[in-house]
Amino acid sequence: MGITIKEATLDFGQLQSYKNNIISGICEGVGGVMAARDIKVVYGIATLTGLNTAKVTLNDGGEMDMTFDKAILATGSVVASIPVKGFDADCVVTSDDALAFEQPPKSMVIIGGGVIGVEFAALYSRLGTKVTIVEAQDRILPPMDSEFSVLAKERLEKDDIDVFTGACVLEIEDTPTGGLVKFQSGDDEEQVAAEKVLMAVGRKPYTEGLGLEDAGIDTERGAIKVDEYLCTNQPNIYAVGDCTGGIMLAHVAQAQGIILGENIVLGNKKAFDGKTTPSCVYLEPELASVGLTEDQAREQYENVKIGKWDLSGNAKVMSMGKYGLIKFVVDGDSGQVLGLHIFGPRASDMIHEGALAIGMGATIDDIGSMIHAHPTIAESIMEAAHDVHKNAIYTIYEKETLEC
């Protein structure tokens, strides 16, 4: 590209300070918004003691009794683990700990190939850590479109990350230099030594000690059970976010909170619909998805059409020295957009065009007829839309594949 960088060095302490300053700024900003709206914040641990009462153990050691007309439970989630021997060994850390190291570990085994595990693998690999992923299912990122799961695995392996899928962890042992993870991979028993073992098998709703039983609130598989209006079985108590299970993402909780605010004030009139929820994986390049995968669509629809565009043909992506793929999943009968999947630069920013299309019931022709600016990465969304009908202008098709 004509730019030469002679040497780049890592100051991990400075990197940690930079991260902490950003987090502090975000928290202070939220606190400022709360204060501006005259919202009183009490710091402590709350437990429901009835349908209209709660007891708070304050952080300073005191106690406070509260009464309320309505309550919202938004207690989030905690890291999950797997019940294997050594799951609580000294070498084992969680995603809560993995951003607080004083220095990057020389090596790390990550148990779990979901979003959390994959993102930490990519991060620490680029910081010089030798990373191994051990995933129980047959592919990493199981909720994602299978084609994009393969692309993500290839990208990780390009960064010298070892990925074992269909692998069942048997035991974790502490060693003088860290830990040893033993796992079954096919017919073979493998073992990998590492300085740190990251337990990244997901999160679970945080409901312990909330007094749900005293308030008569129903749970299901450890999560607070709510209806489409985010109301529990008790009409004055609501719940949002991770504590209700489902898709555990911050933007889902935010969307639920906005809807819930309206329902509490105006009555239960607005239902939550998560079909437009984007999922993003912050690799390099990024991966983003919304709606149905190709496999899901083929299970639900008789006629499914696919449109793709290779981002290596995009002028802006070429100038960045990057690559990627865009894929539409479409109902072949109605033309309705069912899903959009992107692997490439700015994927997490571009995915919202697909979310909007799904939410509005737009067709692939609606996407294809919209003028996209050039040169942009997003113009490849239009190309992928045109490819559904095999009429993308920069793709050469066999004559018999062309559609009007």
Protein backbone atom coordinates (compact mmCIF):
# COMPACT_ATOMS: atom_id res chain seq x y z
CA MET A 1 0.00 0.00 0.00
CA GLY A 2 3.04 2.26 0.15
CA ILE A 3 3.05 2.65 3.93
CA THR A 4 5.88 1.07 5.93
CA ILE A 5 5.70 0.64 9.70
CA LYS A 6 9.09 -0.33 11.03
CA GLU A 7 8.08 -1.51 14.47
CA ALA A 8 4.90 -1.81 16.53
CA THR A 9 5.05 -2.69 20.22
CA LEU A 10 2.41 -3.65 22.77
CA ASP A 11 2.09 -1.80 26.08
CA PHE A 12 -0.50 -4.02 27.74
CA GLY A 13 -0.75 -1.83 30.83
CA GLN A 14 -1.55 1.19 28.69
CA LEU A 15 -4.04 -0.88 26.72
CA GLN A 16 -5.78 -1.87 29.97
CA SER A 17 -5.89 1.78 31.08
CA TYR A 18 -7.39 2.78 27.73
CA LYS A 19 -10.06 0.08 28.09
CA ASN A 20 -10.86 1.03 31.68
CA ASN A 21 -11.18 4.72 30.80
CA ILE A 22 -13.70 3.91 28.07
CA ILE A 23 -15.74 1.74 30.45
CA SER A 24 -15.67 4.45 33.12
CA GLY A 25 -16.80 7.05 30.61
CA ILE A 26 -19.72 4.90 29.49
CA CYS A 27 -20.80 4.20 33.08
CA GLU A 28 -20.54 7.88 34.00
CA GLY A 29 -22.61 8.76 30.96
CA VAL A 30 -25.36 6.36 31.98
CA GLY A 31 -25.22 7.73 35.51
CA GLY A 32 -25.60 11.24 34.14
CA VAL A 33 -28.68 10.24 32.16
CA MET A 34 -30.22 8.68 35.27
CA ALA A 35 -29.54 11.80 37.32
CA ALA A 36 -30.95 14.08 34.62
CA ARG A 37 -34.21 12.13 34.76
CA ASP A 38 -34.31 12.33 38.55
CA ILE A 39 -33.99 8.54 38.94
CA LYS A 40 -32.88 7.49 42.40
CA VAL A 41 -30.22 4.76 42.40
CA VAL A 42 -29.79 2.56 45.47
CA TYR A 43 -26.64 0.41 45.57
CA GLY A 44 -27.17 -2.99 47.15
CA ILE A 45 -28.67 -6.45 46.77
CA ALA A 46 -32.47 -6.61 46.56
CA THR A 47 -34.69 -9.54 47.48
CA LEU A 48 -38.42 -9.69 46.88
CA THR A 49 -40.35 -10.38 50.07
CA GLY A 50 -43.83 -10.23 48.56
CA LEU A 51 -45.82 -8.99 45.58
CA ASN A 52 -45.27 -5.35 46.56
CA THR A 53 -42.28 -5.42 48.90
CA ALA A 54 -38.53 -5.93 48.77
CA LYS A 55 -35.61 -5.81 51.17
CA VAL A 56 -32.30 -4.28 50.07
CA THR A 57 -29.00 -5.11 51.73
CA LEU A 58 -27.04 -1.93 51.07
CA ASN A 59 -23.41 -1.96 50.02
CA ASP A 60 -22.52 0.03 53.13
CA GLY A 61 -23.94 -2.79 55.31
CA GLY A 62 -27.30 -1.26 56.09
CA GLU A 63 -30.76 -2.44 55.09
CA MET A 64 -33.73 -0.79 53.41
CA ASP A 65 -37.31 -1.94 53.04
CA MET A 66 -39.07 -0.93 49.86
CA THR A 67 -42.66 -0.97 48.70
CA PHE A 68 -43.72 -0.65 45.07
CA ASP A 69 -46.72 -0.72 42.78
CA LYS A 70 -44.79 -2.32 39.95
CA ALA A 71 -41.32 -3.82 39.65
CA ILE A 72 -38.94 -4.67 36.84
CA LEU A 73 -36.44 -7.50 37.28
CA ALA A 74 -33.34 -6.83 35.17
CA THR A 75 -30.66 -8.79 36.97
CA GLY A 76 -28.80 -10.00 33.88
CA SER A 77 -26.74 -13.16 33.74
CA VAL A 78 -23.64 -14.85 35.13
CA VAL A 79 -21.04 -17.02 33.49
CA ALA A 80 -21.94 -20.67 33.04
CA SER A 81 -19.66 -23.66 33.55
CA ILE A 82 -19.58 -27.35 32.73
CA PRO A 83 -19.63 -30.01 35.47
CA VAL A 84 -16.27 -31.65 34.78
CA LYS A 85 -13.51 -32.51 37.19
CA GLY A 86 -11.34 -29.46 37.73
CA PHE A 87 -13.83 -26.86 36.47
CA ASP A 88 -12.84 -24.72 39.48
CA ALA A 89 -9.07 -25.25 39.18
CA ASP A 90 -6.78 -22.29 39.80
CA CYS A 91 -5.86 -22.11 36.11
CA VAL A 92 -9.50 -21.63 35.06
CA VAL A 93 -10.75 -18.13 34.35
CA THR A 94 -14.03 -16.82 32.96
CA SER A 95 -14.94 -14.04 30.56
CA ASP A 96 -15.36 -11.82 33.64
CA ASP A 97 -11.64 -12.25 34.36
CA ALA A 98 -10.17 -12.49 30.86
CA LEU A 99 -9.92 -8.74 30.26
CA ALA A 100 -8.13 -8.07 33.54
CA PHE A 101 -4.82 -9.90 33.03
CA GLU A 102 -1.68 -7.94 33.89
CA GLN A 103 -0.05 -9.42 30.79
CA PRO A 104 -1.34 -11.62 27.96
CA PRO A 105 -0.82 -15.29 28.83
CA LYS A 106 1.69 -17.18 26.70
CA SER A 107 -0.93 -19.84 25.97
CA MET A 108 -4.64 -20.38 26.52
CA VAL A 109 -7.16 -23.19 26.07
CA ILE A 110 -10.66 -21.88 25.51
CA ILE A 111 -13.49 -24.26 26.36
CA GLY A 112 -16.38 -23.25 24.13
CA GLY A 113 -16.48 -22.11 20.52
CA GLY A 114 -19.44 -19.78 20.76
CA VAL A 115 -19.30 -16.03 20.36
CA ILE A 116 -17.50 -15.36 23.65
CA GLY A 117 -14.86 -18.03 23.10
CA VAL A 118 -14.23 -17.12 19.47
CA GLU A 119 -13.89 -13.40 20.18
CA PHE A 120 -11.42 -13.98 23.02
CA ALA A 121 -9.50 -16.42 20.83
CA ALA A 122 -9.13 -13.81 18.10
CA LEU A 123 -8.18 -11.09 20.59
CA TYR A 124 -5.51 -12.97 22.49
CA SER A 125 -4.07 -14.60 19.39
CA ARG A 126 -3.36 -11.12 18.04
CA LEU A 127 -1.72 -10.23 21.34
CA GLY A 128 0.71 -13.12 20.92
CA THR A 129 -1.03 -15.87 22.91
CA LYS A 130 -1.05 -19.41 21.53
CA VAL A 131 -4.75 -20.29 21.58
CA THR A 132 -6.61 -23.61 21.37
CA ILE A 133 -10.42 -23.82 21.15
CA VAL A 134 -12.26 -26.94 22.36
CA GLU A 135 -15.91 -26.99 21.22
CA ALA A 136 -18.38 -29.79 22.00
CA GLN A 137 -20.62 -29.27 18.96
CA ASP A 138 -19.63 -30.17 15.42
CA ARG A 139 -18.79 -26.58 14.49
CA ILE A 140 -17.94 -23.28 16.13
CA LEU A 141 -20.56 -20.51 16.33
CA PRO A 142 -23.44 -23.03 16.15
CA PRO A 143 -26.28 -20.45 15.88
CA MET A 144 -24.71 -18.82 12.82
CA ASP A 145 -25.27 -19.87 9.22
CA SER A 146 -23.13 -22.98 8.71
CA GLU A 147 -21.33 -21.50 5.70
CA PHE A 148 -20.20 -18.56 7.81
CA SER A 149 -19.17 -20.82 10.66
CA VAL A 150 -16.74 -22.44 8.23
CA LEU A 151 -15.41 -19.03 7.14
CA ALA A 152 -14.86 -18.03 10.77
CA LYS A 153 -13.01 -21.27 11.53
CA GLU A 154 -10.77 -20.78 8.51
CA ARG A 155 -9.99 -17.24 9.67
CA LEU A 156 -9.07 -18.42 13.16
CA GLU A 157 -6.85 -21.16 11.81
CA LYS A 158 -5.13 -18.61 9.58
CA ASP A 159 -4.12 -16.88 12.82
CA ASP A 160 -2.59 -20.19 14.04
CA ILE A 161 -5.48 -20.92 16.42
CA ASP A 162 -6.08 -24.65 16.89
CA VAL A 163 -9.79 -25.53 16.74
CA PHE A 164 -11.17 -28.86 17.95
CA THR A 165 -14.88 -29.45 17.27
CA GLY A 166 -17.00 -32.39 18.41
CA ALA A 167 -14.69 -32.49 21.43
CA CYS A 168 -15.87 -33.34 24.94
CA VAL A 169 -13.82 -32.02 27.89
CA LEU A 170 -13.03 -34.77 30.36
CA GLU A 171 -10.90 -33.09 33.00
CA ILE A 172 -8.95 -29.93 33.86
CA GLU A 173 -5.81 -30.15 35.99
CA ASP A 174 -3.62 -27.51 37.59
CA THR A 175 0.06 -27.79 36.70
CA PRO A 176 3.14 -25.86 37.88
CA THR A 177 2.97 -23.75 34.69
CA GLY A 178 -0.79 -23.37 34.36
CA GLY A 179 -3.26 -26.07 33.44
CA LEU A 180 -3.86 -29.22 31.42
CA VAL A 181 -7.14 -29.85 29.57
CA LYS A 182 -8.01 -33.43 28.66
CA PHE A 183 -10.77 -34.01 26.10
CA GLN A 184 -12.22 -36.67 23.84
CA SER A 185 -11.94 -35.86 20.14
CA GLY A 186 -13.45 -38.59 18.00
CA ASP A 187 -11.87 -41.88 19.03
CA ASP A 188 -8.82 -40.18 20.51
CA GLU A 189 -8.18 -38.69 23.91
CA GLU A 190 -6.25 -35.44 23.55
CA GLN A 191 -4.64 -33.11 26.03
CA VAL A 192 -3.40 -29.53 25.72
CA ALA A 193 -1.34 -27.63 28.27
CA ALA A 194 -1.71 -23.87 28.66
CA GLU A 195 -0.97 -21.06 31.06
CA LYS A 196 -4.68 -20.19 31.32
CA VAL A 197 -7.92 -22.09 30.69
CA LEU A 198 -10.86 -19.87 29.72
CA MET A 199 -14.29 -21.30 30.50
CA ALA A 200 -16.47 -19.81 27.74
CA VAL A 201 -19.50 -22.08 27.53
CA GLY A 202 -22.03 -19.26 27.69
CA ARG A 203 -24.02 -17.47 30.35
CA LYS A 204 -27.07 -18.31 32.45
CA PRO A 205 -29.82 -16.11 33.95
CA TYR A 206 -29.03 -14.60 37.34
CA THR A 207 -31.99 -15.34 39.57
CA GLU A 208 -30.37 -16.61 42.76
CA GLY A 209 -31.48 -14.87 45.92
CA LEU A 210 -34.10 -12.68 44.23
CA GLY A 211 -36.95 -14.03 46.34
CA LEU A 212 -38.91 -15.24 43.33
CA GLU A 213 -40.58 -17.95 45.39
CA ASP A 214 -41.79 -15.44 47.99
CA ALA A 215 -43.36 -13.36 45.22
CA GLY A 216 -44.81 -16.44 43.52
CA ILE A 217 -42.98 -15.77 40.25
CA ASP A 218 -42.69 -18.66 37.81
CA THR A 219 -39.38 -19.71 36.29
CA GLU A 220 -38.54 -22.00 33.41
CA ARG A 221 -35.17 -23.74 33.03
CA GLY A 222 -33.63 -21.27 35.46
CA ALA A 223 -34.99 -18.16 33.71
CA ILE A 224 -37.79 -15.83 34.77
CA LYS A 225 -40.82 -16.70 32.67
CA VAL A 226 -42.49 -13.78 30.89
CA ASP A 227 -45.20 -13.35 28.26
CA GLU A 228 -44.91 -11.41 25.01
CA TYR A 229 -45.44 -8.17 26.97
CA LEU A 230 -42.51 -9.06 29.26
CA CYS A 231 -44.84 -9.55 32.23
CA THR A 232 -44.36 -12.39 34.69
CA ASN A 233 -47.27 -14.45 35.99
CA GLN A 234 -47.68 -11.69 38.59
CA PRO A 235 -49.34 -8.75 36.75
CA ASN A 236 -47.35 -6.04 38.54
CA ILE A 237 -43.90 -7.61 38.13
CA TYR A 238 -42.03 -7.57 34.82
CA ALA A 239 -38.64 -8.84 33.70
CA VAL A 240 -36.27 -7.99 30.84
CA GLY A 241 -32.90 -8.99 29.47
CA ASP A 242 -30.69 -11.94 30.24
CA CYS A 243 -32.60 -13.01 33.35
CA THR A 244 -35.48 -14.07 31.07
CA GLY A 245 -33.25 -16.38 29.00
CA GLY A 246 -33.51 -16.26 25.23
CA ILE A 247 -31.01 -14.18 23.27
CA MET A 248 -28.59 -12.72 25.80
CA LEU A 249 -27.49 -9.51 24.10
CA ALA A 250 -27.36 -5.95 25.41
CA HIS A 251 -29.31 -4.55 22.47
CA VAL A 252 -32.10 -7.07 23.08
CA ALA A 253 -32.37 -5.95 26.71
CA GLN A 254 -32.42 -2.31 25.62
CA ALA A 255 -35.20 -2.93 23.11
CA GLN A 256 -37.17 -4.84 25.73
CA GLY A 257 -36.69 -2.03 28.24
CA ILE A 258 -38.13 0.55 25.85
CA ILE A 259 -41.16 -1.62 25.14
CA LEU A 260 -41.60 -2.36 28.83
CA GLY A 261 -41.59 1.32 29.72
CA GLU A 262 -44.50 1.87 27.35
CA ASN A 263 -46.40 -1.17 28.65
CA ILE A 264 -46.09 -0.14 32.28
CA VAL A 265 -47.40 3.36 31.54
CA LEU A 266 -49.97 2.59 28.85
CA GLY A 267 -50.92 -1.00 29.65
CA ASN A 268 -49.74 -4.19 28.02
CA LYS A 269 -50.27 -3.18 24.41
CA LYS A 270 -46.87 -3.70 22.78
CA ALA A 271 -45.36 -7.17 22.37
CA PHE A 272 -41.66 -7.86 22.00
CA ASP A 273 -40.65 -9.42 18.70
CA GLY A 274 -37.02 -10.48 18.45
CA LYS A 275 -36.99 -11.43 14.76
CA THR A 276 -34.98 -8.33 13.83
CA THR A 277 -32.25 -9.00 16.41
CA PRO A 278 -28.79 -8.80 14.83
CA SER A 279 -26.03 -11.06 16.16
CA CYS A 280 -22.46 -9.85 15.73
CA VAL A 281 -19.11 -11.57 16.21
CA TYR A 282 -16.21 -9.17 16.50
CA LEU A 283 -13.49 -10.94 14.58
CA GLU A 284 -11.27 -9.45 11.89
CA PRO A 285 -13.17 -9.29 9.62
CA GLU A 286 -16.47 -9.14 11.48
CA LEU A 287 -19.37 -11.56 11.21
CA ALA A 288 -22.99 -10.43 11.52
CA SER A 289 -26.32 -12.20 11.07
CA VAL A 290 -30.04 -11.45 11.28
CA GLY A 291 -33.08 -13.61 10.58
CA LEU A 292 -33.05 -17.21 9.42
CA THR A 293 -29.99 -19.17 8.37
CA GLU A 294 -30.17 -21.10 5.11
CA ASP A 295 -30.70 -24.39 6.96
CA GLN A 296 -33.49 -22.91 9.10
CA ALA A 297 -35.21 -21.44 6.07
CA ARG A 298 -35.14 -24.73 4.16
CA GLU A 299 -36.79 -26.42 7.15
CA GLN A 300 -39.63 -23.88 7.16
CA TYR A 301 -40.13 -22.95 3.49
CA GLU A 302 -40.50 -25.12 0.41
CA ASN A 303 -38.89 -22.67 -2.01
CA VAL A 304 -35.77 -20.89 -0.74
CA LYS A 305 -33.51 -18.75 -2.88
CA ILE A 306 -30.00 -17.60 -2.04
CA GLY A 307 -28.11 -14.52 -3.19
CA LYS A 308 -24.39 -14.05 -2.55
CA TRP A 309 -21.67 -11.54 -3.23
CA ASP A 310 -17.94 -12.09 -2.74
CA LEU A 311 -16.56 -8.97 -1.10
CA SER A 312 -13.18 -9.45 -2.74
CA GLY A 313 -14.84 -7.84 -5.78
CA ASN A 314 -15.84 -4.72 -3.84
CA ALA A 315 -13.66 -1.70 -4.64
CA LYS A 316 -13.51 -0.38 -1.08
CA VAL A 317 -12.78 -3.81 0.39
CA MET A 318 -10.02 -4.26 -2.19
CA SER A 319 -8.48 -0.93 -1.16
CA MET A 320 -8.50 -2.12 2.46
CA GLY A 321 -6.82 -5.40 1.57
CA LYS A 322 -9.73 -7.34 3.11
CA TYR A 323 -12.19 -10.00 1.98
CA GLY A 324 -15.58 -11.45 2.89
CA LEU A 325 -19.01 -12.67 1.81
CA ILE A 326 -22.61 -11.41 1.87
CA LYS A 327 -25.52 -13.84 1.71
CA PHE A 328 -29.28 -13.29 1.46
CA VAL A 329 -31.81 -15.97 2.36
CA VAL A 330 -35.13 -15.35 0.60
CA ASP A 331 -38.59 -16.91 0.34
CA GLY A 332 -38.62 -17.90 -3.32
CA ASP A 333 -42.40 -17.58 -3.61
CA SER A 334 -43.01 -14.17 -2.05
CA GLY A 335 -39.54 -12.69 -2.42
CA GLN A 336 -39.58 -11.77 1.26
CA VAL A 337 -36.19 -11.38 2.93
CA LEU A 338 -35.78 -14.10 5.55
CA GLY A 339 -32.16 -13.62 6.54
CA LEU A 340 -28.97 -11.68 5.86
CA HIS A 341 -25.48 -12.88 6.76
CA ILE A 342 -22.26 -10.90 6.37
CA PHE A 343 -18.62 -11.83 6.88
CA GLY A 344 -16.40 -8.87 6.18
CA PRO A 345 -15.33 -5.35 7.19
CA ARG A 346 -18.08 -3.28 8.86
CA ALA A 347 -20.42 -6.28 8.96
CA SER A 348 -21.83 -5.18 12.32
CA ASP A 349 -22.73 -1.78 10.84
CA MET A 350 -24.22 -3.08 7.60
CA ILE A 351 -26.41 -5.83 9.07
CA HIS A 352 -29.14 -3.36 10.02
CA GLU A 353 -30.29 -3.05 6.42
CA GLY A 354 -31.29 -6.70 6.65
CA ALA A 355 -32.93 -6.20 10.06
CA LEU A 356 -35.01 -3.34 8.68
CA ALA A 357 -36.04 -5.42 5.66
CA ILE A 358 -37.13 -8.32 7.85
CA GLY A 359 -39.00 -6.06 10.25
CA MET A 360 -40.91 -4.32 7.44
CA GLY A 361 -41.55 -7.50 5.47
CA ALA A 362 -39.55 -6.11 2.55
CA THR A 363 -38.79 -8.17 -0.53
CA ILE A 364 -35.43 -8.75 -2.09
CA ASP A 365 -36.51 -6.52 -4.99
CA ASP A 366 -37.00 -3.68 -2.49
CA ILE A 367 -33.37 -4.10 -1.47
CA GLY A 368 -32.12 -4.46 -5.04
CA SER A 369 -33.97 -1.38 -6.28
CA MET A 370 -32.53 0.90 -3.59
CA ILE A 371 -29.60 2.98 -4.82
CA HIS A 372 -26.45 2.27 -2.80
CA ALA A 373 -23.56 4.73 -2.81
CA HIS A 374 -20.27 3.91 -4.53
CA PRO A 375 -17.62 3.24 -3.42
CA THR A 376 -18.97 1.66 -0.23
CA ILE A 377 -18.87 -1.79 1.26
CA ALA A 378 -22.65 -1.64 1.64
CA GLU A 379 -23.21 -1.51 -2.13
CA SER A 380 -22.38 -5.22 -2.12
CA ILE A 381 -25.64 -5.80 -0.26
CA MET A 382 -27.37 -4.62 -3.44
CA GLU A 383 -25.21 -6.97 -5.53
CA ALA A 384 -26.13 -9.91 -3.29
CA ALA A 385 -29.80 -8.95 -3.64
CA HIS A 386 -29.49 -8.93 -7.43
CA ASP A 387 -27.82 -12.33 -7.31
CA VAL A 388 -31.00 -13.88 -5.90
CA HIS A 389 -32.48 -13.49 -9.40
CA LYS A 390 -29.09 -14.12 -11.04
CA ASN A 391 -28.91 -10.65 -12.52
CA ALA A 392 -26.03 -9.02 -10.60
CA ILE A 393 -24.28 -6.85 -13.19
CA TYR A 394 -20.74 -7.85 -12.18
CA THR A 395 -21.40 -11.60 -12.21
CA ILE A 396 -21.24 -13.71 -15.37
CA TYR A 397 -24.05 -16.30 -15.42
CA GLU A 398 -24.85 -19.17 -17.70
CA LYS A 399 -27.74 -18.08 -19.92
CA GLU A 400 -30.15 -20.68 -18.57
CA THR A 401 -29.75 -19.33 -14.99
CA LEU A 402 -30.93 -15.82 -15.81
CA GLU A 403 -34.29 -14.68 -14.39
CA CYS A 404 -36.50 -11.76 -15.32
